[in-house]
PDB file of N, CA and C in Angstrom:
ATOM      1  N   MET A   1       0.831  -1.167   0.000  1.00  0.00           N
ATOM      2  CA  MET A   1       0.000   0.000   0.000  1.00  0.00           C
ATOM      3  C   MET A   1       0.881   1.239   0.000  1.00  0.00           C
ATOM      4  N   GLY A   2       0.621   2.182  -0.889  1.00  0.00           N
ATOM      5  CA  GLY A   2       1.425   3.400  -0.984  1.00  0.00           C
ATOM      6  C   GLY A   2       1.118   4.388   0.133  1.00  0.00           C
ATOM      7  N   THR A   3       2.062   5.264   0.378  1.00  0.00           N
ATOM      8  CA  THR A   3       1.841   6.293   1.389  1.00  0.00           C
ATOM      9  C   THR A   3       1.160   7.494   0.753  1.00  0.00           C
ATOM     10  N   LYS A   4       0.361   8.179   1.558  1.00  0.00           N
ATOM     11  CA  LYS A   4      -0.317   9.378   1.080  1.00  0.00           C
ATOM     12  C   LYS A   4       0.670  10.525   1.063  1.00  0.00           C
ATOM     13  N   GLY A   5       0.409  11.496   0.221  1.00  0.00           N
ATOM     14  CA  GLY A   5       1.262  12.679   0.123  1.00  0.00           C
ATOM     15  C   GLY A   5       0.403  13.923   0.069  1.00  0.00           C
ATOM     16  N   CYS A   6       0.644  14.730  -0.931  1.00  0.00           N
ATOM     17  CA  CYS A   6      -0.085  15.986  -1.086  1.00  0.00           C
ATOM     18  C   CYS A   6      -1.034  15.919  -2.284  1.00  0.00           C
ATOM     19  N   ILE A   7      -2.143  16.622  -2.144  1.00  0.00           N
ATOM     20  CA  ILE A   7      -3.083  16.825  -3.251  1.00  0.00           C
ATOM     21  C   ILE A   7      -2.947  18.286  -3.653  1.00  0.00           C
ATOM     22  N   TRP A   8      -2.783  18.556  -4.954  1.00  0.00           N
ATOM     23  CA  TRP A   8      -2.591  19.935  -5.387  1.00  0.00           C
ATOM     24  C   TRP A   8      -3.367  20.232  -6.664  1.00  0.00           C
ATOM     25  N   ARG A   9      -3.681  21.515  -6.841  1.00  0.00           N
ATOM     26  CA  ARG A   9      -4.352  22.018  -8.037  1.00  0.00           C
ATOM     27  C   ARG A   9      -3.814  23.407  -8.342  1.00  0.00           C
ATOM     28  N   VAL A  10      -3.792  23.759  -9.627  1.00  0.00           N
ATOM     29  CA  VAL A  10      -3.396  25.096 -10.064  1.00  0.00           C
ATOM     30  C   VAL A  10      -4.459  25.617 -11.014  1.00  0.00           C
ATOM     31  N   VAL A  11      -4.880  26.863 -10.797  1.00  0.00           N
ATOM     32  CA  VAL A  11      -5.816  27.548 -11.692  1.00  0.00           C
ATOM     33  C   VAL A  11      -5.302  28.958 -11.933  1.00  0.00           C
ATOM     34  N   LYS A  12      -5.772  29.585 -12.995  1.00  0.00           N
ATOM     35  CA  LYS A  12      -5.436  30.983 -13.281  1.00  0.00           C
ATOM     36  C   LYS A  12      -6.514  31.868 -12.666  1.00  0.00           C
ATOM     37  N   ASN A  13      -6.095  32.981 -12.041  1.00  0.00           N
ATOM     38  CA  ASN A  13      -7.076  33.927 -11.510  1.00  0.00           C
ATOM     39  C   ASN A  13      -7.407  34.975 -12.578  1.00  0.00           C
ATOM     40  N   LYS A  14      -8.224  35.954 -12.233  1.00  0.00           N
ATOM     41  CA  LYS A  14      -8.648  36.974 -13.200  1.00  0.00           C
ATOM     42  C   LYS A  14      -7.484  37.794 -13.732  1.00  0.00           C
ATOM     43  N   LYS A  15      -6.416  37.932 -12.936  1.00  0.00           N
ATOM     44  CA  LYS A  15      -5.216  38.673 -13.360  1.00  0.00           C
ATOM     45  C   LYS A  15      -4.318  37.838 -14.273  1.00  0.00           C
ATOM     46  N   GLY A  16      -4.634  36.550 -14.420  1.00  0.00           N
ATOM     47  CA  GLY A  16      -3.819  35.661 -15.238  1.00  0.00           C
ATOM     48  C   GLY A  16      -2.677  35.006 -14.481  1.00  0.00           C
ATOM     49  N   ASN A  17      -2.653  35.177 -13.155  1.00  0.00           N
ATOM     50  CA  ASN A  17      -1.604  34.572 -12.332  1.00  0.00           C
ATOM     51  C   ASN A  17      -2.032  33.178 -11.871  1.00  0.00           C
ATOM     52  N   ASN A  18      -1.056  32.349 -11.599  1.00  0.00           N
ATOM     53  CA  ASN A  18      -1.322  30.993 -11.113  1.00  0.00           C
ATOM     54  C   ASN A  18      -1.692  31.022  -9.632  1.00  0.00           C
ATOM     55  N   VAL A  19      -2.755  30.307  -9.284  1.00  0.00           N
ATOM     56  CA  VAL A  19      -3.151  30.130  -7.890  1.00  0.00           C
ATOM     57  C   VAL A  19      -2.984  28.647  -7.577  1.00  0.00           C
ATOM     58  N   LEU A  20      -2.155  28.368  -6.567  1.00  0.00           N
ATOM     59  CA  LEU A  20      -1.801  27.001  -6.196  1.00  0.00           C
ATOM     60  C   LEU A  20      -2.433  26.644  -4.861  1.00  0.00           C
ATOM     61  N   SER A  21      -3.073  25.489  -4.820  1.00  0.00           N
ATOM     62  CA  SER A  21      -3.645  24.956  -3.593  1.00  0.00           C
ATOM     63  C   SER A  21      -3.018  23.591  -3.338  1.00  0.00           C
ATOM     64  N   VAL A  22      -2.429  23.424  -2.150  1.00  0.00           N
ATOM     65  CA  VAL A  22      -1.805  22.151  -1.771  1.00  0.00           C
ATOM     66  C   VAL A  22      -2.319  21.750  -0.390  1.00  0.00           C
ATOM     67  N   VAL A  23      -2.721  20.492  -0.249  1.00  0.00           N
ATOM     68  CA  VAL A  23      -3.131  19.955   1.050  1.00  0.00           C
ATOM     69  C   VAL A  23      -2.300  18.704   1.309  1.00  0.00           C
ATOM     70  N   ASN A  24      -1.630  18.675   2.450  1.00  0.00           N
ATOM     71  CA  ASN A  24      -0.861  17.498   2.843  1.00  0.00           C
ATOM     72  C   ASN A  24      -1.821  16.520   3.520  1.00  0.00           C
ATOM     73  N   VAL A  25      -2.145  15.439   2.824  1.00  0.00           N
ATOM     74  CA  VAL A  25      -3.065  14.435   3.382  1.00  0.00           C
ATOM     75  C   VAL A  25      -2.316  13.247   3.988  1.00  0.00           C
ATOM     76  N   GLY A  26      -1.001  13.366   4.093  1.00  0.00           N
ATOM     77  CA  GLY A  26      -0.193  12.300   4.676  1.00  0.00           C
ATOM     78  C   GLY A  26      -0.095  12.409   6.193  1.00  0.00           C
ATOM     79  N   LYS A  27       0.630  11.475   6.783  1.00  0.00           N
ATOM     80  CA  LYS A  27       0.803  11.443   8.235  1.00  0.00           C
ATOM     81  C   LYS A  27       2.127  12.050   8.677  1.00  0.00           C
ATOM     82  N   SER A  28       2.923  12.530   7.715  1.00  0.00           N
ATOM     83  CA  SER A  28       4.201  13.145   8.049  1.00  0.00           C
ATOM     84  C   SER A  28       4.339  14.466   7.295  1.00  0.00           C
ATOM     85  N   GLU A  29       5.381  15.236   7.643  1.00  0.00           N
ATOM     86  CA  GLU A  29       5.616  16.520   7.001  1.00  0.00           C
ATOM     87  C   GLU A  29       5.964  16.327   5.528  1.00  0.00           C
ATOM     88  N   ALA A  30       5.611  17.335   4.728  1.00  0.00           N
ATOM     89  CA  ALA A  30       5.922  17.314   3.299  1.00  0.00           C
ATOM     90  C   ALA A  30       6.693  18.583   2.949  1.00  0.00           C
ATOM     91  N   SER A  31       7.863  18.428   2.325  1.00  0.00           N
ATOM     92  CA  SER A  31       8.675  19.564   1.881  1.00  0.00           C
ATOM     93  C   SER A  31       8.365  19.836   0.418  1.00  0.00           C
ATOM     94  N   LEU A  32       8.043  21.091   0.096  1.00  0.00           N
ATOM     95  CA  LEU A  32       7.703  21.476  -1.271  1.00  0.00           C
ATOM     96  C   LEU A  32       8.730  22.449  -1.830  1.00  0.00           C
ATOM     97  N   LYS A  33       8.871  22.452  -3.149  1.00  0.00           N
ATOM     98  CA  LYS A  33       9.686  23.442  -3.853  1.00  0.00           C
ATOM     99  C   LYS A  33       8.823  23.953  -5.001  1.00  0.00           C
ATOM    100  N   ILE A  34       8.353  25.189  -4.887  1.00  0.00           N
ATOM    101  CA  ILE A  34       7.453  25.774  -5.869  1.00  0.00           C
ATOM    102  C   ILE A  34       8.269  26.535  -6.913  1.00  0.00           C
ATOM    103  N   THR A  35       8.018  26.234  -8.192  1.00  0.00           N
ATOM    104  CA  THR A  35       8.678  26.945  -9.285  1.00  0.00           C
ATOM    105  C   THR A  35       7.663  27.173 -10.408  1.00  0.00           C
ATOM    106  N   LEU A  36       7.989  28.101 -11.273  1.00  0.00           N
ATOM    107  CA  LEU A  36       7.242  28.280 -12.511  1.00  0.00           C
ATOM    108  C   LEU A  36       8.102  27.727 -13.633  1.00  0.00           C
ATOM    109  N   LYS A  37       7.492  27.116 -14.610  1.00  0.00           N
ATOM    110  CA  LYS A  37       8.240  26.516 -15.710  1.00  0.00           C
ATOM    111  C   LYS A  37       9.179  27.550 -16.331  1.00  0.00           C
ATOM    112  N   GLY A  38      10.463  27.252 -16.295  1.00  0.00           N
ATOM    113  CA  GLY A  38      11.462  28.132 -16.883  1.00  0.00           C
ATOM    114  C   GLY A  38      11.818  29.346 -16.051  1.00  0.00           C
ATOM    115  N   ASN A  39      11.306  29.442 -14.809  1.00  0.00           N
ATOM    116  CA  ASN A  39      11.593  30.608 -13.971  1.00  0.00           C
ATOM    117  C   ASN A  39      11.687  30.191 -12.507  1.00  0.00           C
ATOM    118  N   GLN A  40      12.867  30.284 -11.945  1.00  0.00           N
ATOM    119  CA  GLN A  40      13.084  29.951 -10.533  1.00  0.00           C
ATOM    120  C   GLN A  40      12.862  31.175  -9.634  1.00  0.00           C
ATOM    121  N   ASN A  41      12.783  32.365 -10.238  1.00  0.00           N
ATOM    122  CA  ASN A  41      12.700  33.626  -9.503  1.00  0.00           C
ATOM    123  C   ASN A  41      11.231  34.027  -9.357  1.00  0.00           C
ATOM    124  N   ILE A  42      10.563  33.533  -8.286  1.00  0.00           N
ATOM    125  CA  ILE A  42       9.126  33.735  -8.137  1.00  0.00           C
ATOM    126  C   ILE A  42       8.781  34.347  -6.783  1.00  0.00           C
ATOM    127  N   VAL A  43       7.544  34.829  -6.692  1.00  0.00           N
ATOM    128  CA  VAL A  43       6.990  35.342  -5.447  1.00  0.00           C
ATOM    129  C   VAL A  43       5.722  34.551  -5.148  1.00  0.00           C
ATOM    130  N   CYS A  44       5.586  34.083  -3.902  1.00  0.00           N
ATOM    131  CA  CYS A  44       4.378  33.389  -3.459  1.00  0.00           C
ATOM    132  C   CYS A  44       3.669  34.270  -2.441  1.00  0.00           C
ATOM    133  N   LYS A  45       2.387  34.538  -2.694  1.00  0.00           N
ATOM    134  CA  LYS A  45       1.585  35.347  -1.775  1.00  0.00           C
ATOM    135  C   LYS A  45       0.513  34.459  -1.158  1.00  0.00           C
ATOM    136  N   ASP A  46       0.533  34.345   0.160  1.00  0.00           N
ATOM    137  CA  ASP A  46      -0.456  33.560   0.891  1.00  0.00           C
ATOM    138  C   ASP A  46      -1.810  34.239   0.749  1.00  0.00           C
ATOM    139  N   LEU A  47      -2.757  33.570   0.121  1.00  0.00           N
ATOM    140  CA  LEU A  47      -4.063  34.175  -0.130  1.00  0.00           C
ATOM    141  C   LEU A  47      -4.975  34.138   1.087  1.00  0.00           C
ATOM    142  N   LEU A  48      -4.655  33.349   2.101  1.00  0.00           N
ATOM    143  CA  LEU A  48      -5.450  33.325   3.325  1.00  0.00           C
ATOM    144  C   LEU A  48      -5.039  34.440   4.288  1.00  0.00           C
ATOM    145  N   LYS A  49      -3.729  34.753   4.319  1.00  0.00           N
ATOM    146  CA  LYS A  49      -3.202  35.766   5.236  1.00  0.00           C
ATOM    147  C   LYS A  49      -2.870  37.086   4.542  1.00  0.00           C
ATOM    148  N   GLY A  50      -2.753  37.081   3.196  1.00  0.00           N
ATOM    149  CA  GLY A  50      -2.451  38.298   2.453  1.00  0.00           C
ATOM    150  C   GLY A  50      -1.004  38.748   2.544  1.00  0.00           C
ATOM    151  N   ILE A  51      -0.078  37.817   2.831  1.00  0.00           N
ATOM    152  CA  ILE A  51       1.339  38.171   2.974  1.00  0.00           C
ATOM    153  C   ILE A  51       2.208  37.302   2.068  1.00  0.00           C
ATOM    154  N   ARG A  52       3.432  37.804   1.782  1.00  0.00           N
ATOM    155  CA  ARG A  52       4.395  36.982   1.043  1.00  0.00           C
ATOM    156  C   ARG A  52       4.821  35.816   1.903  1.00  0.00           C
ATOM    157  N   THR A  53       5.086  34.698   1.235  1.00  0.00           N
ATOM    158  CA  THR A  53       5.498  33.493   1.952  1.00  0.00           C
ATOM    159  C   THR A  53       6.594  32.785   1.155  1.00  0.00           C
ATOM    160  N   THR A  54       7.180  31.799   1.730  1.00  0.00           N
ATOM    161  CA  THR A  54       8.268  31.072   1.099  1.00  0.00           C
ATOM    162  C   THR A  54       7.787  30.215  -0.071  1.00  0.00           C
ATOM    163  N   SER A  55       8.689  29.982  -1.008  1.00  0.00           N
ATOM    164  CA  SER A  55       8.384  29.074  -2.117  1.00  0.00           C
ATOM    165  C   SER A  55       8.882  27.660  -1.807  1.00  0.00           C
ATOM    166  N   ASN A  56       9.389  27.465  -0.584  1.00  0.00           N
ATOM    167  CA  ASN A  56       9.867  26.156  -0.129  1.00  0.00           C
ATOM    168  C   ASN A  56       9.247  25.794   1.220  1.00  0.00           C
ATOM    169  N   PRO A  57       7.910  25.692   1.281  1.00  0.00           N
ATOM    170  CA  PRO A  57       7.279  25.417   2.575  1.00  0.00           C
ATOM    171  C   PRO A  57       7.420  23.963   3.007  1.00  0.00           C
ATOM    172  N   VAL A  58       7.280  23.749   4.301  1.00  0.00           N
ATOM    173  CA  VAL A  58       7.184  22.410   4.874  1.00  0.00           C
ATOM    174  C   VAL A  58       5.795  22.326   5.501  1.00  0.00           C
ATOM    175  N   LEU A  59       4.961  21.441   4.958  1.00  0.00           N
ATOM    176  CA  LEU A  59       3.581  21.317   5.430  1.00  0.00           C
ATOM    177  C   LEU A  59       3.448  20.190   6.437  1.00  0.00           C
ATOM    178  N   LYS A  60       2.812  20.491   7.542  1.00  0.00           N
ATOM    179  CA  LYS A  60       2.483  19.475   8.542  1.00  0.00           C
ATOM    180  C   LYS A  60       1.304  18.660   8.010  1.00  0.00           C
ATOM    181  N   PRO A  61       1.040  17.503   8.584  1.00  0.00           N
ATOM    182  CA  PRO A  61      -0.119  16.717   8.148  1.00  0.00           C
ATOM    183  C   PRO A  61      -1.411  17.547   8.187  1.00  0.00           C
ATOM    184  N   TYR A  62      -2.164  17.478   7.107  1.00  0.00           N
ATOM    185  CA  TYR A  62      -3.446  18.165   6.925  1.00  0.00           C
ATOM    186  C   TYR A  62      -3.331  19.691   6.834  1.00  0.00           C
ATOM    187  N   GLU A  63      -2.127  20.211   6.687  1.00  0.00           N
ATOM    188  CA  GLU A  63      -1.947  21.653   6.525  1.00  0.00           C
ATOM    189  C   GLU A  63      -2.239  22.052   5.080  1.00  0.00           C
ATOM    190  N   VAL A  64      -2.741  23.281   4.897  1.00  0.00           N
ATOM    191  CA  VAL A  64      -3.101  23.809   3.581  1.00  0.00           C
ATOM    192  C   VAL A  64      -2.134  24.918   3.202  1.00  0.00           C
ATOM    193  N   TYR A  65      -1.724  24.933   1.934  1.00  0.00           N
ATOM    194  CA  TYR A  65      -0.862  25.972   1.361  1.00  0.00           C
ATOM    195  C   TYR A  65      -1.630  26.527   0.169  1.00  0.00           C
ATOM    196  N   PHE A  66      -2.084  27.793   0.254  1.00  0.00           N
ATOM    197  CA  PHE A  66      -2.947  28.397  -0.760  1.00  0.00           C
ATOM    198  C   PHE A  66      -2.329  29.725  -1.158  1.00  0.00           C
ATOM    199  N   VAL A  67      -1.660  29.755  -2.325  1.00  0.00           N
ATOM    200  CA  VAL A  67      -0.881  30.927  -2.716  1.00  0.00           C
ATOM    201  C   VAL A  67      -1.121  31.332  -4.176  1.00  0.00           C
ATOM    202  N   GLU A  68      -0.840  32.617  -4.415  1.00  0.00           N
ATOM    203  CA  GLU A  68      -0.759  33.134  -5.791  1.00  0.00           C
ATOM    204  C   GLU A  68       0.733  33.159  -6.135  1.00  0.00           C
ATOM    205  N   VAL A  69       1.078  32.582  -7.273  1.00  0.00           N
ATOM    206  CA  VAL A  69       2.481  32.473  -7.685  1.00  0.00           C
ATOM    207  C   VAL A  69       2.708  33.385  -8.885  1.00  0.00           C
ATOM    208  N   THR A  70       3.668  34.331  -8.739  1.00  0.00           N
ATOM    209  CA  THR A  70       4.008  35.256  -9.818  1.00  0.00           C
ATOM    210  C   THR A  70       5.507  35.314 -10.013  1.00  0.00           C
ATOM    211  N   SER A  71       5.939  35.779 -11.173  1.00  0.00           N
ATOM    212  CA  SER A  71       7.358  35.991 -11.446  1.00  0.00           C
ATOM    213  C   SER A  71       7.804  37.266 -10.795  1.00  0.00           C
ATOM    214  N   LYS A  72       9.026  37.260 -10.238  1.00  0.00           N
ATOM    215  CA  LYS A  72       9.617  38.492  -9.698  1.00  0.00           C
ATOM    216  C   LYS A  72       9.921  39.419 -10.851  1.00  0.00           C
ATOM    217  N   LYS A  73       9.662  40.675 -10.650  1.00  0.00           N
ATOM    218  CA  LYS A  73       9.924  41.663 -11.701  1.00  0.00           C
ATOM    219  C   LYS A  73      11.317  42.197 -11.581  1.00  0.00           C
TER     220      LYS A  73
END
C-alpha cells in the first residue's frame, strides 16, 4: 500500500496569475519546492493571510498551502 502525500491544483485567476492549492493528506511533514516553468525567480503570496510566503514550505499533516504564484519583476 502506498503512502499518502499531497493533493494539489493550479488555476489561473482573473489577473492571469497561477493560484496554487496544496493539502498534505499524509501522516508526516511534506517539503515542497514551488517553481514556474522556466523561472526559478518567483513570489508566493499567501491568499489566506495576504502576505508573502516562502516558495519552499514544509507542510504538517493536513496543513493547507494556498498561494498566488508570480514571477519576480
